[in-house]
Amino acid sequence: MTQTPAARNAGGWQGFTGGWYTYCMADDAQSHPNQRAPLAYENKTFLDGPDGRILRILAEYQEPLSKFRRERIQDTIVFFGSARIHSREDTEAALQALRAAGGISAEAQERIRRAESDVAMSRYYEDARRLAYLISRWTRTIAQPRHRFVVCTGGGPGIMEAANRGASEAGAKTIGLNIHLPFEQVPNPYITPELNFEFHYFFMRKLWFAYLAKALVVFPGGFGTFDEMFELLTLAQTRKLNKHISVLVYGQKYWEKIVNFQALVEAGTISAEDMDLIHWADDPQAAYEFLRADLERHHVQSAALSEKAPDIAKTRF
């Protein structure tokens, strides 16, 4: 059908105006301030600000959970202890260097005294390493579809490093729940890379310590160790978590010098029965035998009952 000149002119004008409109809109898109906004979950200013806090907290729950599922982790044994206790090899080398340097000043003598104390305390590093090795060697023989009683630590140096190291030497997976601090705390090299975590919130880190643990092993330590030990003892005492959790405190001589537990009983601030929550050990083999017997009695189940992973504890109330 032949188009009339008027129709052709109308079509040309419409085509021109449409093209001009598109050109102008494209030009405006480059000049006006309303560009495409970032997606909320890609908006770093929002995520890092106060309004994004709930999302950051949820992330520190969901990301570990997804990794524990992927790595088939069912439950853990948590090791606590000082970040400042080092291996016998390292402490002896440091002491020899100080003695070789000499010096008769009070400051030099104090450094030597501290180094001698470090050598004495290094036995706990070696014992933690050995105990983690023994436990992990045994757990690798448990014929279940998920990894049971995986050694878990705060992921840093000292006793944490020793426990991760012993588990790694046994060929087992081992977990490090690191915390972002301005000093001291960096991941040790013995953590299984897929199970190396970094937390901002202490309370979310504590959740993962408590909720997967079937046993707690407490080596000599300072404020952080006190915090973690007494929090888990409180959960065991109040039976808030609906599971049996054994607490093994290692190094009775150290702990009884630092904390007068019996004074708490005598003052009536805890009951005599509460002391039964604490099991003492001073030798890796004895500690291993207690833990194995306790875990077998309360937690080793048939493979058919072990499908849920991770085994997050429920609260009683």
Protein backbone atom coordinates (compact mmCIF):
# COMPACT_ATOMS: atom_id res chain seq x y z
CA MET A 1 0.00 0.00 0.00
CA THR A 2 1.39 3.40 -1.02
CA GLN A 3 1.87 5.81 1.87
CA THR A 4 0.63 9.39 1.36
CA PRO A 5 3.06 12.33 1.71
CA ALA A 6 1.21 13.44 4.87
CA ALA A 7 1.58 10.01 6.43
CA ARG A 8 5.25 9.93 5.46
CA ASN A 9 5.80 13.37 6.98
CA ALA A 10 3.95 12.39 10.16
CA GLY A 11 6.00 9.23 10.50
CA GLY A 12 9.21 11.14 9.92
CA TRP A 13 8.34 13.73 12.55
CA GLN A 14 7.39 11.03 15.06
CA GLY A 15 10.60 9.16 14.36
CA PHE A 16 12.57 12.38 14.79
CA THR A 17 10.88 13.30 18.07
CA GLY A 18 11.29 9.76 19.43
CA GLY A 19 14.99 9.76 18.59
CA TRP A 20 15.46 13.23 20.03
CA TYR A 21 13.67 12.21 23.26
CA THR A 22 15.88 9.14 23.64
CA TYR A 23 18.99 11.23 23.01
CA CYS A 24 17.95 13.83 25.57
CA MET A 25 17.13 11.18 28.18
CA ALA A 26 20.50 9.53 27.67
CA ASP A 27 22.17 12.90 28.04
CA ASP A 28 20.19 13.67 31.21
CA ALA A 29 21.16 10.27 32.70
CA GLN A 30 24.77 11.36 32.52
CA SER A 31 24.14 14.74 34.10
CA HIS A 32 21.48 14.48 36.81
CA PRO A 33 22.41 13.20 40.31
CA ASN A 34 20.02 10.25 40.51
CA GLN A 35 22.15 7.42 39.22
CA ARG A 36 21.29 3.76 39.86
CA ALA A 37 21.45 3.14 43.64
CA PRO A 38 23.55 0.25 44.95
CA LEU A 39 21.76 -2.90 46.04
CA ALA A 40 21.23 -2.86 49.81
CA TYR A 41 23.44 -5.89 50.38
CA GLU A 42 26.22 -4.25 48.36
CA ASN A 43 25.96 -0.90 50.13
CA LYS A 44 29.08 -0.87 52.31
CA THR A 45 28.15 2.38 54.04
CA PHE A 46 24.87 0.85 55.17
CA LEU A 47 26.33 -2.54 56.08
CA ASP A 48 29.15 -1.01 58.14
CA GLY A 49 26.89 1.47 59.90
CA PRO A 50 24.60 1.14 62.95
CA ASP A 51 21.57 0.16 60.84
CA GLY A 52 23.48 -2.78 59.38
CA ARG A 53 24.43 -4.24 62.76
CA ILE A 54 21.67 -6.85 62.80
CA LEU A 55 22.85 -8.12 59.41
CA ARG A 56 26.45 -8.33 60.62
CA ILE A 57 25.32 -10.32 63.66
CA LEU A 58 23.27 -12.69 61.50
CA ALA A 59 26.24 -13.11 59.15
CA GLU A 60 28.39 -14.28 62.08
CA TYR A 61 25.78 -16.95 62.75
CA GLN A 62 24.97 -18.02 59.22
CA GLU A 63 28.45 -18.09 57.67
CA PRO A 64 29.96 -20.46 60.28
CA LEU A 65 26.83 -22.62 60.11
CA SER A 66 27.15 -22.96 56.33
CA LYS A 67 30.83 -23.91 56.62
CA PHE A 68 30.19 -26.44 59.39
CA ARG A 69 27.55 -28.06 57.21
CA ARG A 70 29.80 -28.09 54.17
CA GLU A 71 32.72 -29.58 56.14
CA ARG A 72 30.43 -32.13 57.85
CA ILE A 73 31.20 -31.01 61.40
CA GLN A 74 28.79 -32.42 63.96
CA ASP A 75 30.27 -31.37 67.32
CA THR A 76 33.46 -30.19 69.02
CA ILE A 77 35.81 -30.33 71.98
CA VAL A 78 36.82 -26.80 72.92
CA PHE A 79 40.29 -25.99 74.24
CA PHE A 80 40.80 -22.74 76.17
CA GLY A 81 44.06 -21.36 77.57
CA SER A 82 46.54 -18.53 77.50
CA ALA A 83 47.75 -17.02 74.23
CA ARG A 84 51.04 -16.27 76.02
CA ILE A 85 52.19 -19.83 76.75
CA HIS A 86 54.62 -20.96 74.05
CA SER A 87 56.36 -24.16 73.01
CA ARG A 88 59.30 -25.57 74.91
CA GLU A 89 61.52 -25.12 71.86
CA ASP A 90 60.72 -21.42 71.54
CA THR A 91 60.93 -20.59 75.23
CA GLU A 92 64.24 -22.41 75.72
CA ALA A 93 65.74 -20.62 72.72
CA ALA A 94 64.59 -17.25 74.12
CA LEU A 95 66.09 -18.03 77.54
CA GLN A 96 69.42 -19.09 76.05
CA ALA A 97 69.58 -15.87 74.02
CA LEU A 98 69.01 -13.75 77.13
CA ARG A 99 71.63 -15.62 79.13
CA ALA A 100 74.12 -15.29 76.28
CA ALA A 101 73.47 -11.55 76.14
CA GLY A 102 74.42 -11.27 79.80
CA GLY A 103 73.66 -8.15 81.78
CA ILE A 104 73.62 -7.61 85.52
CA SER A 105 71.05 -4.85 85.72
CA ALA A 106 67.80 -5.43 87.56
CA GLU A 107 65.94 -5.14 84.27
CA ALA A 108 68.12 -7.79 82.59
CA GLN A 109 67.69 -10.14 85.55
CA GLU A 110 63.92 -9.65 85.48
CA ARG A 111 63.84 -10.56 81.78
CA ILE A 112 65.77 -13.76 82.56
CA ARG A 113 63.41 -14.59 85.43
CA ARG A 114 60.40 -14.11 83.15
CA ALA A 115 62.00 -16.28 80.48
CA GLU A 116 62.61 -19.04 83.06
CA SER A 117 58.94 -18.84 84.01
CA ASP A 118 58.01 -19.12 80.33
CA VAL A 119 60.07 -22.31 80.05
CA ALA A 120 58.31 -23.78 83.10
CA MET A 121 54.86 -22.87 81.71
CA SER A 122 55.71 -24.34 78.29
CA ARG A 123 54.84 -27.78 79.67
CA TYR A 124 51.19 -26.78 79.25
CA TYR A 125 51.73 -26.03 75.54
CA GLU A 126 53.27 -29.47 75.06
CA ASP A 127 50.53 -31.15 77.10
CA ALA A 128 47.76 -29.41 75.15
CA ARG A 129 49.39 -30.45 71.91
CA ARG A 130 49.65 -34.05 73.06
CA LEU A 131 46.09 -34.21 74.41
CA ALA A 132 44.64 -32.77 71.20
CA TYR A 133 46.65 -35.32 69.23
CA LEU A 134 45.36 -38.24 71.32
CA ILE A 135 41.74 -37.08 71.13
CA SER A 136 41.90 -36.44 67.38
CA ARG A 137 43.58 -39.75 66.63
CA TRP A 138 40.71 -41.50 68.43
CA THR A 139 37.91 -39.45 66.85
CA ARG A 140 39.17 -40.32 63.38
CA THR A 141 38.29 -43.97 64.15
CA ILE A 142 34.63 -43.20 64.92
CA ALA A 143 32.69 -44.66 62.02
CA GLN A 144 29.99 -42.03 61.55
CA PRO A 145 29.04 -39.89 58.56
CA ARG A 146 30.06 -36.61 60.21
CA HIS A 147 33.21 -35.47 62.00
CA ARG A 148 32.80 -35.96 65.75
CA PHE A 149 34.43 -34.07 68.61
CA VAL A 150 36.55 -31.83 66.40
CA VAL A 151 39.19 -29.86 68.33
CA CYS A 152 38.10 -26.21 68.40
CA THR A 153 40.04 -23.23 69.78
CA GLY A 154 40.05 -19.45 69.72
CA GLY A 155 42.38 -19.71 66.74
CA GLY A 156 45.28 -17.67 68.13
CA PRO A 157 48.75 -18.45 69.53
CA GLY A 158 49.73 -20.19 72.77
CA ILE A 159 47.47 -22.97 74.04
CA MET A 160 45.14 -22.40 71.10
CA GLU A 161 47.98 -23.03 68.67
CA ALA A 162 49.09 -26.10 70.62
CA ALA A 163 45.64 -27.73 70.44
CA ASN A 164 45.17 -26.97 66.73
CA ARG A 165 48.70 -28.24 66.14
CA GLY A 166 48.14 -31.55 67.91
CA ALA A 167 44.89 -32.17 66.03
CA SER A 168 46.56 -31.29 62.74
CA GLU A 169 49.43 -33.70 63.48
CA ALA A 170 46.84 -36.45 63.97
CA GLY A 171 45.52 -35.74 60.47
CA ALA A 172 42.19 -34.39 61.71
CA LYS A 173 40.20 -31.31 60.88
CA THR A 174 40.53 -28.56 63.47
CA ILE A 175 38.63 -25.30 64.01
CA GLY A 176 39.83 -21.79 64.87
CA LEU A 177 37.28 -19.18 65.99
CA ASN A 178 39.42 -16.08 65.79
CA ILE A 179 38.44 -12.67 67.13
CA HIS A 180 39.41 -9.34 65.58
CA LEU A 181 41.62 -7.60 68.17
CA PRO A 182 44.12 -4.74 67.94
CA PHE A 183 46.88 -7.00 69.30
CA GLU A 184 47.95 -10.58 69.89
CA GLN A 185 45.24 -12.45 68.01
CA VAL A 186 46.14 -13.70 64.52
CA PRO A 187 45.23 -17.13 63.15
CA ASN A 188 47.78 -19.83 63.86
CA PRO A 189 49.03 -21.95 60.94
CA TYR A 190 47.55 -25.26 62.15
CA ILE A 191 43.86 -24.47 61.67
CA THR A 192 42.12 -26.30 58.82
CA PRO A 193 41.84 -23.47 56.22
CA GLU A 194 38.16 -24.15 55.52
CA LEU A 195 37.44 -23.90 59.27
CA ASN A 196 39.32 -20.68 59.97
CA PHE A 197 36.86 -17.99 61.14
CA GLU A 198 37.18 -14.32 62.03
CA PHE A 199 34.62 -12.75 64.37
CA HIS A 200 33.89 -9.14 65.25
CA TYR A 201 31.37 -9.88 68.02
CA PHE A 202 32.59 -11.71 71.11
CA PHE A 203 29.08 -12.96 71.90
CA MET A 204 28.69 -14.64 68.50
CA ARG A 205 32.06 -16.31 68.91
CA LYS A 206 30.96 -17.55 72.35
CA LEU A 207 27.76 -18.92 70.86
CA TRP A 208 29.75 -21.16 68.53
CA PHE A 209 32.05 -22.26 71.36
CA ALA A 210 29.08 -23.30 73.48
CA TYR A 211 26.55 -24.65 71.02
CA LEU A 212 28.67 -27.34 69.38
CA ALA A 213 30.84 -28.34 72.35
CA LYS A 214 30.47 -31.73 74.00
CA ALA A 215 33.51 -31.14 76.24
CA LEU A 216 35.57 -28.20 77.42
CA VAL A 217 39.29 -28.42 78.25
CA VAL A 218 40.66 -25.45 80.19
CA PHE A 219 44.42 -24.94 80.41
CA PRO A 220 46.10 -22.21 82.48
CA GLY A 221 45.23 -18.76 81.25
CA GLY A 222 44.30 -15.19 82.10
CA PHE A 223 41.24 -12.95 81.81
CA GLY A 224 39.99 -14.43 78.53
CA THR A 225 40.31 -17.99 79.81
CA PHE A 226 38.50 -17.06 83.03
CA ASP A 227 35.68 -15.49 81.04
CA GLU A 228 35.23 -18.50 78.80
CA MET A 229 35.59 -21.11 81.56
CA PHE A 230 33.12 -19.52 83.98
CA GLU A 231 30.57 -18.85 81.24
CA LEU A 232 30.57 -22.52 80.23
CA LEU A 233 30.53 -23.62 83.88
CA THR A 234 27.47 -21.42 84.41
CA LEU A 235 25.70 -23.01 81.44
CA ALA A 236 26.53 -26.45 82.83
CA GLN A 237 25.52 -25.49 86.38
CA THR A 238 22.16 -24.03 85.32
CA ARG A 239 21.58 -26.79 82.75
CA LYS A 240 20.54 -24.10 80.32
CA LEU A 241 21.86 -26.15 77.40
CA ASN A 242 19.97 -29.36 76.89
CA LYS A 243 23.02 -31.58 76.72
CA HIS A 244 25.74 -33.09 78.86
CA ILE A 245 28.98 -31.11 78.67
CA SER A 246 32.04 -32.13 80.66
CA VAL A 247 34.52 -29.52 81.89
CA LEU A 248 38.09 -30.71 82.33
CA VAL A 249 40.40 -28.22 84.05
CA TYR A 250 44.04 -28.93 83.37
CA GLY A 251 46.82 -28.03 85.81
CA GLN A 252 45.27 -28.30 89.27
CA LYS A 253 48.26 -26.74 91.04
CA TYR A 254 48.04 -23.63 88.86
CA TRP A 255 44.29 -23.23 89.19
CA GLU A 256 44.10 -23.78 92.94
CA LYS A 257 46.77 -21.11 93.38
CA ILE A 258 44.80 -18.68 91.20
CA VAL A 259 41.20 -19.46 92.26
CA ASN A 260 40.07 -20.63 95.69
CA PHE A 261 37.11 -22.74 94.58
CA GLN A 262 36.60 -24.15 98.05
CA ALA A 263 36.16 -20.62 99.41
CA LEU A 264 33.16 -20.25 97.08
CA VAL A 265 31.60 -23.35 98.65
CA GLU A 266 32.35 -22.16 102.17
CA ALA A 267 30.86 -18.74 101.44
CA GLY A 268 27.73 -20.39 100.08
CA THR A 269 28.00 -18.73 96.69
CA ILE A 270 28.10 -22.14 95.00
CA SER A 271 27.01 -25.51 96.35
CA ALA A 272 29.36 -28.38 97.15
CA GLU A 273 27.74 -30.34 94.31
CA ASP A 274 28.75 -27.64 91.84
CA MET A 275 32.36 -28.68 92.31
CA ASP A 276 31.43 -31.98 90.67
CA LEU A 277 31.16 -30.06 87.41
CA ILE A 278 34.95 -29.71 87.38
CA HIS A 279 37.18 -32.64 86.54
CA TRP A 280 40.90 -32.21 87.16
CA ALA A 281 43.82 -33.52 85.14
CA ASP A 282 47.60 -33.03 85.16
CA ASP A 283 48.64 -35.59 82.56
CA PRO A 284 47.63 -35.81 78.86
CA GLN A 285 47.01 -39.55 78.97
CA ALA A 286 44.77 -39.35 82.04
CA ALA A 287 42.89 -36.41 80.51
CA TYR A 288 42.41 -38.32 77.27
CA GLU A 289 41.11 -41.41 79.05
CA PHE A 290 38.57 -39.37 81.03
CA LEU A 291 37.35 -37.47 77.96
CA ARG A 292 37.05 -40.56 75.80
CA ALA A 293 35.09 -42.47 78.45
CA ASP A 294 32.80 -39.49 79.07
CA LEU A 295 32.14 -38.85 75.38
CA GLU A 296 31.51 -42.53 74.67
CA ARG A 297 29.09 -42.73 77.59
CA HIS A 298 27.07 -39.63 76.72
CA HIS A 299 27.51 -38.76 73.07
CA VAL A 300 28.77 -41.53 70.78
CA GLN A 301 25.69 -42.71 68.94
CA SER A 302 24.98 -44.99 66.02
CA ALA A 303 25.50 -43.58 62.56
CA ALA A 304 21.74 -43.60 61.98
CA LEU A 305 21.27 -41.08 64.78
CA SER A 306 24.12 -38.81 63.66
CA GLU A 307 22.70 -37.35 60.49
CA LYS A 308 22.16 -33.85 61.85
CA ALA A 309 25.16 -31.57 61.45
CA PRO A 310 26.15 -29.42 63.08
CA ASP A 311 24.56 -30.64 66.31
CA ILE A 312 23.51 -27.27 67.75
CA ALA A 313 22.39 -27.60 71.36
CA LYS A 314 18.85 -26.66 72.31
CA THR A 315 18.04 -24.70 75.43
CA ARG A 316 15.97 -26.38 78.11
CA PHE A 317 13.61 -23.50 78.83
